[in-house]
Amino acid sequence: MASTIARAALALAALLSCGADTMADQSLLQRVRGVDGRATALIDEALWRSQTFQRIVDEVSASDLIVYVSRTELDGTLRGALRFIGTGADGGRYLLIELDDDFGNDLDGKSDRLAGIATLAHELRHALEVAGASHVQDPGSFDAFYTELGIGHRRDVVDTLAAQAVHAQVYFEMTGRKP
C-alpha cells in the first residue's frame, strides 16, 4: 500500500510539473490525456484502431473525469493499473492509468502495443465505473468502491467482468483473435 501511495504521489507531482510543451498537441478540453508523447501516441493509435475504445473515450469525455495515461514500470505481473489522484476545486476528479512499459512489455513493439491498447481500454472501462459513482471523491472511497464492486484475483488487486470484456473486445477488433 505504501508503494501505491508513493507512486500516486510521484505521478501527481509529474502531472503538475508537466510543461506546456508536453501537452501542446492536446486540447485542454480532452479528458483522456497522455503524460508524454509516447502515451499520447498510444491513445491516438487506440482511437484509430478500435471503435469500442473510441466509444469509451467519448463516454469518459461526457463525465467529470480527467484521465491521465502514463507508461511506466509496474510491480509484478500487472499490465495496467488505475489510481485515484484527486478532486479539483471545480469538482472534477482526476485519475491516472499506468501501463506497464518495462523491458518485457515493449509498448513500442507491435504485439505488445496491441496488448497495451487492450489494457488501456480495460483501465478506461474502470474509469467509466468511477464516473458512474459520484461518491468516489478520494483514494479511500475509490478503494472501498472497488472492494465492493470488483472481483479479487489477489490481495490489493481487483477487477470487473465489464473491464475484462472490453479488453477482449478491443483486442479482437485490432487482431481478429481472442487475447
Protein backbone atom coordinates (compact mmCIF):
# COMPACT_ATOMS: atom_id res chain seq x y z
CA MET A 1 0.00 0.00 0.00
CA ALA A 2 2.83 2.41 0.82
CA SER A 3 4.37 1.94 -2.63
CA THR A 4 0.97 2.60 -4.23
CA ILE A 5 0.63 5.86 -2.32
CA ALA A 6 4.21 6.84 -3.14
CA ARG A 7 3.67 6.01 -6.83
CA ALA A 8 0.46 8.06 -6.91
CA ALA A 9 2.20 10.99 -5.22
CA LEU A 10 5.06 10.84 -7.72
CA ALA A 11 2.59 10.61 -10.60
CA LEU A 12 0.70 13.63 -9.32
CA ALA A 13 3.95 15.57 -9.00
CA ALA A 14 4.88 14.60 -12.55
CA LEU A 15 1.48 15.66 -13.85
CA LEU A 16 1.67 19.00 -12.08
CA SER A 17 5.17 19.64 -13.37
CA CYS A 18 4.35 18.81 -17.00
CA GLY A 19 5.23 21.82 -19.07
CA ALA A 20 3.05 23.18 -21.84
CA ASP A 21 5.35 21.57 -24.39
CA THR A 22 4.48 18.08 -23.09
CA MET A 23 0.79 18.54 -23.80
CA ALA A 24 0.97 21.18 -26.52
CA ASP A 25 -0.78 19.00 -29.08
CA GLN A 26 -3.66 18.06 -26.78
CA SER A 27 -6.77 20.13 -26.34
CA LEU A 28 -7.37 21.48 -22.87
CA LEU A 29 -10.85 20.01 -23.18
CA GLN A 30 -9.61 16.50 -23.91
CA ARG A 31 -10.37 14.30 -20.91
CA VAL A 32 -8.11 11.34 -21.73
CA ARG A 33 -4.55 12.68 -21.84
CA GLY A 34 -1.13 11.17 -22.23
CA VAL A 35 1.50 12.48 -19.82
CA ASP A 36 4.07 12.42 -22.62
CA GLY A 37 4.31 11.92 -26.37
CA ARG A 38 4.66 8.13 -26.14
CA ALA A 39 1.47 7.77 -24.09
CA THR A 40 -0.35 10.21 -26.38
CA ALA A 41 0.74 8.19 -29.43
CA LEU A 42 -0.70 5.03 -27.86
CA ILE A 43 -4.02 6.79 -27.20
CA ASP A 44 -4.11 8.13 -30.77
CA GLU A 45 -3.44 4.68 -32.21
CA ALA A 46 -6.13 3.16 -30.00
CA LEU A 47 -8.66 5.74 -31.22
CA TRP A 48 -7.77 4.87 -34.81
CA ARG A 49 -7.84 1.09 -34.35
CA SER A 50 -10.90 0.46 -32.16
CA GLN A 51 -14.47 1.71 -32.27
CA THR A 52 -15.02 0.34 -28.77
CA PHE A 53 -12.07 2.36 -27.50
CA GLN A 54 -13.46 5.49 -29.20
CA ARG A 55 -16.86 4.92 -27.57
CA ILE A 56 -15.29 4.59 -24.13
CA VAL A 57 -13.27 7.79 -24.62
CA ASP A 58 -16.47 9.56 -25.69
CA GLU A 59 -18.22 8.35 -22.52
CA VAL A 60 -15.30 9.49 -20.34
CA SER A 61 -15.42 12.85 -22.13
CA ALA A 62 -19.06 13.26 -21.10
CA SER A 63 -18.15 12.77 -17.42
CA ASP A 64 -16.44 14.86 -14.75
CA LEU A 65 -13.22 12.82 -15.04
CA ILE A 66 -9.82 13.82 -16.33
CA VAL A 67 -7.82 10.64 -17.00
CA TYR A 68 -4.07 10.78 -17.48
CA VAL A 69 -2.22 7.88 -19.12
CA SER A 70 1.36 7.02 -18.25
CA ARG A 71 3.72 4.36 -19.49
CA THR A 72 5.77 3.17 -16.54
CA GLU A 73 7.22 0.06 -14.93
CA LEU A 74 4.67 -1.71 -12.72
CA ASP A 75 5.32 -4.22 -9.98
CA GLY A 76 4.85 -7.93 -10.57
CA THR A 77 2.66 -9.14 -13.39
CA LEU A 78 0.34 -6.13 -13.60
CA ARG A 79 -0.10 -4.84 -17.15
CA GLY A 80 -2.14 -1.83 -16.08
CA ALA A 81 -3.49 -0.02 -13.06
CA LEU A 82 -5.98 2.74 -12.31
CA ARG A 83 -5.26 5.17 -9.49
CA PHE A 84 -7.36 7.93 -7.95
CA ILE A 85 -5.26 11.10 -7.88
CA GLY A 86 -7.58 13.75 -6.52
CA THR A 87 -10.56 16.05 -6.84
CA GLY A 88 -10.17 19.54 -8.25
CA ALA A 89 -11.68 22.77 -6.92
CA ASP A 90 -14.17 22.59 -9.80
CA GLY A 91 -15.35 19.14 -8.63
CA GLY A 92 -13.59 17.31 -11.46
CA ARG A 93 -11.99 14.01 -10.47
CA TYR A 94 -8.51 13.08 -11.64
CA LEU A 95 -7.43 9.51 -12.35
CA LEU A 96 -4.16 8.02 -13.55
CA ILE A 97 -3.87 4.94 -15.75
CA GLU A 98 -0.44 3.35 -15.59
CA LEU A 99 0.52 0.92 -18.34
CA ASP A 100 3.41 -1.46 -17.79
CA ASP A 101 6.29 -0.50 -20.04
CA ASP A 102 9.19 -2.43 -18.56
CA PHE A 103 11.75 -4.37 -20.56
CA GLY A 104 9.49 -7.39 -21.11
CA ASN A 105 6.50 -5.32 -22.25
CA ASP A 106 7.81 -3.12 -25.04
CA LEU A 107 4.81 -0.96 -25.88
CA ASP A 108 6.70 0.20 -28.97
CA GLY A 109 6.73 -3.35 -30.41
CA LYS A 110 3.58 -4.19 -32.41
CA SER A 111 2.24 -7.21 -30.50
CA ASP A 112 2.92 -5.68 -27.08
CA ARG A 113 1.50 -2.36 -28.29
CA LEU A 114 -1.79 -4.01 -29.31
CA ALA A 115 -1.95 -5.79 -25.95
CA GLY A 116 -1.16 -2.44 -24.30
CA ILE A 117 -4.03 -0.76 -26.15
CA ALA A 118 -6.40 -3.51 -24.99
CA THR A 119 -5.12 -2.98 -21.43
CA LEU A 120 -5.64 0.77 -21.78
CA ALA A 121 -9.25 0.13 -22.87
CA HIS A 122 -9.67 -2.19 -19.86
CA GLU A 123 -8.45 0.52 -17.48
CA LEU A 124 -10.60 3.18 -19.18
CA ARG A 125 -13.61 0.93 -18.59
CA HIS A 126 -12.71 1.02 -14.92
CA ALA A 127 -12.61 4.83 -15.19
CA LEU A 128 -16.18 4.72 -16.51
CA GLU A 129 -17.17 2.73 -13.44
CA VAL A 130 -15.75 5.55 -11.32
CA ALA A 131 -17.55 8.14 -13.48
CA GLY A 132 -20.84 6.49 -12.56
CA ALA A 133 -20.04 6.58 -8.84
CA SER A 134 -20.19 10.23 -7.81
CA HIS A 135 -19.48 9.31 -4.19
CA VAL A 136 -15.92 8.31 -5.15
CA GLN A 137 -14.10 11.51 -4.21
CA ASP A 138 -10.80 10.36 -2.71
CA PRO A 139 -8.46 7.35 -2.60
CA GLY A 140 -10.30 5.83 0.38
CA SER A 141 -13.71 5.88 -1.29
CA PHE A 142 -12.04 4.65 -4.50
CA ASP A 143 -10.60 1.62 -2.68
CA ALA A 144 -13.92 0.95 -0.90
CA PHE A 145 -15.81 1.20 -4.21
CA TYR A 146 -13.64 -1.44 -5.87
CA THR A 147 -13.64 -3.66 -2.81
CA GLU A 148 -17.43 -3.74 -3.11
CA LEU A 149 -17.71 -3.80 -6.92
CA GLY A 150 -14.73 -5.83 -8.02
CA ILE A 151 -13.78 -9.44 -8.18
CA GLY A 152 -10.50 -10.16 -6.45
CA HIS A 153 -7.75 -12.13 -8.12
CA ARG A 154 -5.14 -11.48 -5.44
CA ARG A 155 -4.59 -9.23 -2.48
CA ASP A 156 -4.85 -5.49 -3.35
CA VAL A 157 -5.82 -6.20 -7.00
CA VAL A 158 -9.45 -6.15 -8.06
CA ASP A 159 -11.06 -6.37 -11.46
CA THR A 160 -14.53 -6.32 -13.02
CA LEU A 161 -16.14 -8.51 -15.62
CA ALA A 162 -17.04 -5.41 -17.67
CA ALA A 163 -13.38 -4.37 -17.91
CA GLN A 164 -12.34 -7.90 -18.86
CA ALA A 165 -14.96 -7.94 -21.63
CA VAL A 166 -13.78 -4.58 -23.00
CA HIS A 167 -10.18 -5.83 -23.05
CA ALA A 168 -11.21 -8.88 -25.09
CA GLN A 169 -13.41 -6.82 -27.45
CA VAL A 170 -10.75 -4.21 -28.23
CA TYR A 171 -8.07 -6.86 -28.74
CA PHE A 172 -10.40 -8.74 -31.10
CA GLU A 173 -11.21 -5.56 -33.07
CA MET A 174 -7.50 -4.98 -33.66
CA THR A 175 -6.34 -8.54 -34.35
CA GLY A 176 -9.35 -10.72 -35.18
CA ARG A 177 -8.20 -13.03 -32.37
CA LYS A 178 -9.11 -13.58 -28.74
CA PRO A 179 -6.47 -12.42 -26.24
